[in-house]
Amino acid sequence: TTGRCAEACDFAVNPTMWWPSDRSWI
């Protein structure tokens, strides 16, 4: 799914992987 980077902690579980669309980090 997608969203704002600041929302990474808003899920019941953490993403296994997450990165911004400009791929500046992962």
PDB file of all heavy atoms in Angstrom:
ATOM      1  N   THR A   1       0.865  -1.171   0.000  1.00  0.00           N
ATOM      2  CA  THR A   1       0.000   0.000   0.000  1.00  0.00           C
ATOM      3  C   THR A   1       0.905   1.225   0.000  1.00  0.00           C
ATOM      4  O   THR A   1       2.134   1.110   0.039  1.00  0.00           O
ATOM      5  CB  THR A   1      -0.966   0.002   1.205  1.00  0.00           C
ATOM      6  OG1 THR A   1      -1.926   1.045   1.046  1.00  0.00           O
ATOM      7  CG2 THR A   1      -0.218   0.182   2.517  1.00  0.00           C
ATOM      8  N   THR A   2       0.320   2.401  -0.058  1.00  0.00           N
ATOM      9  CA  THR A   2       1.107   3.629  -0.136  1.00  0.00           C
ATOM     10  C   THR A   2       0.608   4.649   0.877  1.00  0.00           C
ATOM     11  O   THR A   2      -0.482   4.522   1.438  1.00  0.00           O
ATOM     12  CB  THR A   2       1.034   4.249  -1.547  1.00  0.00           C
ATOM     13  OG1 THR A   2      -0.336   4.539  -1.854  1.00  0.00           O
ATOM     14  CG2 THR A   2       1.583   3.287  -2.588  1.00  0.00           C
ATOM     15  N   GLY A   3       1.407   5.668   1.113  1.00  0.00           N
ATOM     16  CA  GLY A   3       1.034   6.731   2.042  1.00  0.00           C
ATOM     17  C   GLY A   3       2.205   7.661   2.263  1.00  0.00           C
ATOM     18  O   GLY A   3       3.201   7.618   1.531  1.00  0.00           O
ATOM     19  N   ARG A   4       2.114   8.498   3.273  1.00  0.00           N
ATOM     20  CA  ARG A   4       3.212   9.383   3.634  1.00  0.00           C
ATOM     21  C   ARG A   4       4.261   8.594   4.425  1.00  0.00           C
ATOM     22  O   ARG A   4       3.923   7.684   5.187  1.00  0.00           O
ATOM     23  CB  ARG A   4       2.699  10.555   4.472  1.00  0.00           C
ATOM     24  CG  ARG A   4       1.761  11.496   3.727  1.00  0.00           C
ATOM     25  CD  ARG A   4       1.335  12.675   4.590  1.00  0.00           C
ATOM     26  NE  ARG A   4       0.567  12.243   5.753  1.00  0.00           N
ATOM     27  CZ  ARG A   4       1.008  12.271   7.003  1.00  0.00           C
ATOM     28  NH1 ARG A   4       2.232  12.705   7.289  1.00  0.00           N
ATOM     29  NH2 ARG A   4       0.233  11.867   8.002  1.00  0.00           N
ATOM     30  N   CYS A   5       5.523   8.939   4.253  1.00  0.00           N
ATOM     31  CA  CYS A   5       6.592   8.242   4.974  1.00  0.00           C
ATOM     32  C   CYS A   5       6.366   8.302   6.485  1.00  0.00           C
ATOM     33  O   CYS A   5       6.695   7.354   7.203  1.00  0.00           O
ATOM     34  CB  CYS A   5       7.948   8.841   4.616  1.00  0.00           C
ATOM     35  SG  CYS A   5       8.425   8.615   2.886  1.00  0.00           S
ATOM     36  N   ALA A   6       5.805   9.398   6.955  1.00  0.00           N
ATOM     37  CA  ALA A   6       5.563   9.568   8.391  1.00  0.00           C
ATOM     38  C   ALA A   6       4.520   8.594   8.922  1.00  0.00           C
ATOM     39  O   ALA A   6       4.385   8.439  10.138  1.00  0.00           O
ATOM     40  CB  ALA A   6       5.138  10.995   8.688  1.00  0.00           C
ATOM     41  N   GLU A   7       3.790   7.927   8.024  1.00  0.00           N
ATOM     42  CA  GLU A   7       2.739   7.000   8.433  1.00  0.00           C
ATOM     43  C   GLU A   7       3.246   5.572   8.618  1.00  0.00           C
ATOM     44  O   GLU A   7       2.459   4.666   8.889  1.00  0.00           O
ATOM     45  CB  GLU A   7       1.605   7.012   7.409  1.00  0.00           C
ATOM     46  CG  GLU A   7       0.894   8.353   7.305  1.00  0.00           C
ATOM     47  CD  GLU A   7      -0.089   8.429   6.153  1.00  0.00           C
ATOM     48  OE1 GLU A   7       0.036   7.630   5.204  1.00  0.00           O
ATOM     49  OE2 GLU A   7      -0.975   9.300   6.209  1.00  0.00           O
ATOM     50  N   ALA A   8       4.550   5.360   8.517  1.00  0.00           N
ATOM     51  CA  ALA A   8       5.097   4.005   8.598  1.00  0.00           C
ATOM     52  C   ALA A   8       4.763   3.320   9.917  1.00  0.00           C
ATOM     53  O   ALA A   8       4.682   2.090   9.980  1.00  0.00           O
ATOM     54  CB  ALA A   8       6.612   4.043   8.400  1.00  0.00           C
ATOM     55  N   CYS A   9       4.558   4.103  10.969  1.00  0.00           N
ATOM     56  CA  CYS A   9       4.305   3.529  12.295  1.00  0.00           C
ATOM     57  C   CYS A   9       2.825   3.470  12.636  1.00  0.00           C
ATOM     58  O   CYS A   9       2.467   3.103  13.766  1.00  0.00           O
ATOM     59  CB  CYS A   9       5.036   4.346  13.359  1.00  0.00           C
ATOM     60  SG  CYS A   9       6.760   4.669  12.987  1.00  0.00           S
ATOM     61  N   ASP A  10       1.973   3.826  11.687  1.00  0.00           N
ATOM     62  CA  ASP A  10       0.538   3.910  11.977  1.00  0.00           C
ATOM     63  C   ASP A  10      -0.202   2.592  11.782  1.00  0.00           C
ATOM     64  O   ASP A  10      -1.383   2.495  12.107  1.00  0.00           O
ATOM     65  CB  ASP A  10      -0.117   4.981  11.097  1.00  0.00           C
ATOM     66  CG  ASP A  10       0.348   6.394  11.454  1.00  0.00           C
ATOM     67  OD1 ASP A  10       1.023   6.543  12.495  1.00  0.00           O
ATOM     68  OD2 ASP A  10       0.059   7.324  10.681  1.00  0.00           O
ATOM     69  N   PHE A  11       0.470   1.580  11.243  1.00  0.00           N
ATOM     70  CA  PHE A  11      -0.163   0.291  10.994  1.00  0.00           C
ATOM     71  C   PHE A  11      -0.088  -0.581  12.255  1.00  0.00           C
ATOM     72  O   PHE A  11       0.730  -0.346  13.139  1.00  0.00           O
ATOM     73  CB  PHE A  11       0.514  -0.428   9.832  1.00  0.00           C
ATOM     74  CG  PHE A  11       0.506   0.342   8.539  1.00  0.00           C
ATOM     75  CD1 PHE A  11       1.595   1.126   8.175  1.00  0.00           C
ATOM     76  CD2 PHE A  11      -0.588   0.294   7.693  1.00  0.00           C
ATOM     77  CE1 PHE A  11       1.597   1.838   6.982  1.00  0.00           C
ATOM     78  CE2 PHE A  11      -0.604   1.005   6.494  1.00  0.00           C
ATOM     79  CZ  PHE A  11       0.496   1.781   6.144  1.00  0.00           C
ATOM     80  N   ALA A  12      -0.927  -1.603  12.305  1.00  0.00           N
ATOM     81  CA  ALA A  12      -0.886  -2.536  13.442  1.00  0.00           C
ATOM     82  C   ALA A  12       0.424  -3.303  13.489  1.00  0.00           C
ATOM     83  O   ALA A  12       0.862  -3.758  14.548  1.00  0.00           O
ATOM     84  CB  ALA A  12      -2.067  -3.501  13.362  1.00  0.00           C
ATOM     85  N   VAL A  13       1.058  -3.467  12.338  1.00  0.00           N
ATOM     86  CA  VAL A  13       2.376  -4.088  12.233  1.00  0.00           C
ATOM     87  C   VAL A  13       3.247  -3.196  11.366  1.00  0.00           C
ATOM     88  O   VAL A  13       2.754  -2.419  10.556  1.00  0.00           O
ATOM     89  CB  VAL A  13       2.297  -5.509  11.627  1.00  0.00           C
ATOM     90  CG1 VAL A  13       1.595  -6.465  12.565  1.00  0.00           C
ATOM     91  CG2 VAL A  13       1.602  -5.488  10.264  1.00  0.00           C
ATOM     92  N   ASN A  14       4.552  -3.311  11.549  1.00  0.00           N
ATOM     93  CA  ASN A  14       5.464  -2.503  10.739  1.00  0.00           C
ATOM     94  C   ASN A  14       5.611  -3.081   9.342  1.00  0.00           C
ATOM     95  O   ASN A  14       5.565  -4.307   9.169  1.00  0.00           O
ATOM     96  CB  ASN A  14       6.848  -2.435  11.382  1.00  0.00           C
ATOM     97  CG  ASN A  14       6.850  -1.725  12.710  1.00  0.00           C
ATOM     98  OD1 ASN A  14       7.518  -2.170  13.644  1.00  0.00           O
ATOM     99  ND2 ASN A  14       6.123  -0.632  12.840  1.00  0.00           N
ATOM    100  N   PRO A  15       5.821  -2.228   8.353  1.00  0.00           N
ATOM    101  CA  PRO A  15       6.115  -2.745   7.013  1.00  0.00           C
ATOM    102  C   PRO A  15       7.381  -3.600   7.020  1.00  0.00           C
ATOM    103  O   PRO A  15       8.327  -3.321   7.760  1.00  0.00           O
ATOM    104  CB  PRO A  15       6.325  -1.465   6.183  1.00  0.00           C
ATOM    105  CG  PRO A  15       5.676  -0.372   6.961  1.00  0.00           C
ATOM    106  CD  PRO A  15       5.818  -0.758   8.395  1.00  0.00           C
ATOM    107  N   THR A  16       7.391  -4.633   6.201  1.00  0.00           N
ATOM    108  CA  THR A  16       8.595  -5.442   6.033  1.00  0.00           C
ATOM    109  C   THR A  16       9.641  -4.651   5.259  1.00  0.00           C
ATOM    110  O   THR A  16      10.833  -4.755   5.534  1.00  0.00           O
ATOM    111  CB  THR A  16       8.258  -6.747   5.295  1.00  0.00           C
ATOM    112  OG1 THR A  16       7.174  -7.394   5.968  1.00  0.00           O
ATOM    113  CG2 THR A  16       9.455  -7.691   5.266  1.00  0.00           C
ATOM    114  N   MET A  17       9.183  -3.870   4.291  1.00  0.00           N
ATOM    115  CA  MET A  17      10.046  -2.946   3.556  1.00  0.00           C
ATOM    116  C   MET A  17       9.259  -1.669   3.305  1.00  0.00           C
ATOM    117  O   MET A  17       8.052  -1.719   3.062  1.00  0.00           O
ATOM    118  CB  MET A  17      10.497  -3.535   2.205  1.00  0.00           C
ATOM    119  CG  MET A  17      11.248  -4.835   2.281  1.00  0.00           C
ATOM    120  SD  MET A  17      11.775  -5.386   0.620  1.00  0.00           S
ATOM    121  CE  MET A  17      12.037  -7.143   0.932  1.00  0.00           C
ATOM    122  N   TRP A  18       9.959  -0.541   3.337  1.00  0.00           N
ATOM    123  CA  TRP A  18       9.318   0.716   2.952  1.00  0.00           C
ATOM    124  C   TRP A  18      10.349   1.685   2.421  1.00  0.00           C
ATOM    125  O   TRP A  18      11.497   1.690   2.841  1.00  0.00           O
ATOM    126  CB  TRP A  18       8.505   1.322   4.091  1.00  0.00           C
ATOM    127  CG  TRP A  18       9.109   1.387   5.456  1.00  0.00           C
ATOM    128  CD1 TRP A  18       9.406   0.336   6.278  1.00  0.00           C
ATOM    129  CD2 TRP A  18       9.456   2.565   6.197  1.00  0.00           C
ATOM    130  NE1 TRP A  18       9.911   0.786   7.469  1.00  0.00           N
ATOM    131  CE2 TRP A  18       9.949   2.146   7.468  1.00  0.00           C
ATOM    132  CE3 TRP A  18       9.364   3.935   5.940  1.00  0.00           C
ATOM    133  CZ2 TRP A  18      10.378   3.046   8.437  1.00  0.00           C
ATOM    134  CZ3 TRP A  18       9.773   4.829   6.916  1.00  0.00           C
ATOM    135  CH2 TRP A  18      10.270   4.392   8.139  1.00  0.00           C
ATOM    136  N   TRP A  19       9.920   2.460   1.424  1.00  0.00           N
ATOM    137  CA  TRP A  19      10.832   3.388   0.766  1.00  0.00           C
ATOM    138  C   TRP A  19      10.010   4.486   0.082  1.00  0.00           C
ATOM    139  O   TRP A  19       8.854   4.281  -0.284  1.00  0.00           O
ATOM    140  CB  TRP A  19      11.691   2.651  -0.265  1.00  0.00           C
ATOM    141  CG  TRP A  19      10.946   2.057  -1.426  1.00  0.00           C
ATOM    142  CD1 TRP A  19      10.705   2.636  -2.639  1.00  0.00           C
ATOM    143  CD2 TRP A  19      10.324   0.764  -1.490  1.00  0.00           C
ATOM    144  NE1 TRP A  19       9.980   1.802  -3.453  1.00  0.00           N
ATOM    145  CE2 TRP A  19       9.732   0.636  -2.770  1.00  0.00           C
ATOM    146  CE3 TRP A  19      10.206  -0.300  -0.583  1.00  0.00           C
ATOM    147  CZ2 TRP A  19       9.041  -0.501  -3.163  1.00  0.00           C
ATOM    148  CZ3 TRP A  19       9.510  -1.436  -0.978  1.00  0.00           C
ATOM    149  CH2 TRP A  19       8.944  -1.542  -2.247  1.00  0.00           C
ATOM    150  N   PRO A  20      10.600   5.683  -0.100  1.00  0.00           N
ATOM    151  CA  PRO A  20       9.908   6.763  -0.804  1.00  0.00           C
ATOM    152  C   PRO A  20       9.979   6.534  -2.305  1.00  0.00           C
ATOM    153  O   PRO A  20      10.831   5.780  -2.788  1.00  0.00           O
ATOM    154  CB  PRO A  20      10.694   8.011  -0.387  1.00  0.00           C
ATOM    155  CG  PRO A  20      12.086   7.490  -0.155  1.00  0.00           C
ATOM    156  CD  PRO A  20      11.918   6.093   0.392  1.00  0.00           C
ATOM    157  N   SER A  21       9.090   7.197  -3.041  1.00  0.00           N
ATOM    158  CA  SER A  21       9.038   6.956  -4.481  1.00  0.00           C
ATOM    159  C   SER A  21      10.308   7.404  -5.197  1.00  0.00           C
ATOM    160  O   SER A  21      10.595   6.912  -6.294  1.00  0.00           O
ATOM    161  CB  SER A  21       7.812   7.653  -5.093  1.00  0.00           C
ATOM    162  OG  SER A  21       7.862   9.050  -4.883  1.00  0.00           O
ATOM    163  N   ASP A  22      11.097   8.312  -4.594  1.00  0.00           N
ATOM    164  CA  ASP A  22      12.355   8.699  -5.234  1.00  0.00           C
ATOM    165  C   ASP A  22      13.493   7.734  -4.901  1.00  0.00           C
ATOM    166  O   ASP A  22      14.624   7.929  -5.333  1.00  0.00           O
ATOM    167  CB  ASP A  22      12.739  10.137  -4.884  1.00  0.00           C
ATOM    168  CG  ASP A  22      13.094  10.332  -3.407  1.00  0.00           C
ATOM    169  OD1 ASP A  22      13.007   9.358  -2.619  1.00  0.00           O
ATOM    170  OD2 ASP A  22      13.440  11.473  -3.034  1.00  0.00           O
ATOM    171  N   ARG A  23      13.182   6.710  -4.111  1.00  0.00           N
ATOM    172  CA  ARG A  23      14.129   5.646  -3.773  1.00  0.00           C
ATOM    173  C   ARG A  23      15.425   6.201  -3.170  1.00  0.00           C
ATOM    174  O   ARG A  23      16.508   5.702  -3.442  1.00  0.00           O
ATOM    175  CB  ARG A  23      14.416   4.778  -4.997  1.00  0.00           C
ATOM    176  CG  ARG A  23      13.264   3.870  -5.304  1.00  0.00           C
ATOM    177  CD  ARG A  23      13.216   3.241  -6.662  1.00  0.00           C
ATOM    178  NE  ARG A  23      14.460   2.778  -7.245  1.00  0.00           N
ATOM    179  CZ  ARG A  23      14.546   2.185  -8.430  1.00  0.00           C
ATOM    180  NH1 ARG A  23      13.436   1.985  -9.131  1.00  0.00           N
ATOM    181  NH2 ARG A  23      15.696   1.808  -8.922  1.00  0.00           N
ATOM    182  N   SER A  24      15.311   7.201  -2.327  1.00  0.00           N
ATOM    183  CA  SER A  24      16.492   7.768  -1.680  1.00  0.00           C
ATOM    184  C   SER A  24      16.980   6.899  -0.527  1.00  0.00           C
ATOM    185  O   SER A  24      18.117   7.048  -0.084  1.00  0.00           O
ATOM    186  CB  SER A  24      16.211   9.190  -1.194  1.00  0.00           C
ATOM    187  OG  SER A  24      15.011   9.243  -0.450  1.00  0.00           O
ATOM    188  N   TRP A  25      16.150   5.999  -0.038  1.00  0.00           N
ATOM    189  CA  TRP A  25      16.522   5.056   1.016  1.00  0.00           C
ATOM    190  C   TRP A  25      15.501   3.916   1.034  1.00  0.00           C
ATOM    191  O   TRP A  25      14.443   4.004   0.398  1.00  0.00           O
ATOM    192  CB  TRP A  25      16.593   5.724   2.397  1.00  0.00           C
ATOM    193  CG  TRP A  25      15.462   6.670   2.720  1.00  0.00           C
ATOM    194  CD1 TRP A  25      15.472   8.030   2.626  1.00  0.00           C
ATOM    195  CD2 TRP A  25      14.134   6.319   3.163  1.00  0.00           C
ATOM    196  NE1 TRP A  25      14.239   8.553   2.987  1.00  0.00           N
ATOM    197  CE2 TRP A  25      13.399   7.523   3.330  1.00  0.00           C
ATOM    198  CE3 TRP A  25      13.488   5.121   3.450  1.00  0.00           C
ATOM    199  CZ2 TRP A  25      12.075   7.551   3.756  1.00  0.00           C
ATOM    200  CZ3 TRP A  25      12.159   5.135   3.863  1.00  0.00           C
ATOM    201  CH2 TRP A  25      11.472   6.347   4.014  1.00  0.00           C
ATOM    202  N   ILE A  26      15.818   2.870   1.766  1.00  0.00           N
ATOM    203  CA  ILE A  26      14.882   1.767   1.974  1.00  0.00           C
ATOM    204  C   ILE A  26      15.122   1.191   3.368  1.00  0.00           C
ATOM    205  O   ILE A  26      16.260   1.148   3.847  1.00  0.00           O
ATOM    206  CB  ILE A  26      15.041   0.660   0.908  1.00  0.00           C
ATOM    207  CG1 ILE A  26      13.925  -0.394   1.027  1.00  0.00           C
ATOM    208  CG2 ILE A  26      16.413  -0.001   0.982  1.00  0.00           C
ATOM    209  CD1 ILE A  26      13.887  -1.391  -0.131  1.00  0.00           C
TER     210      ILE A  26
END
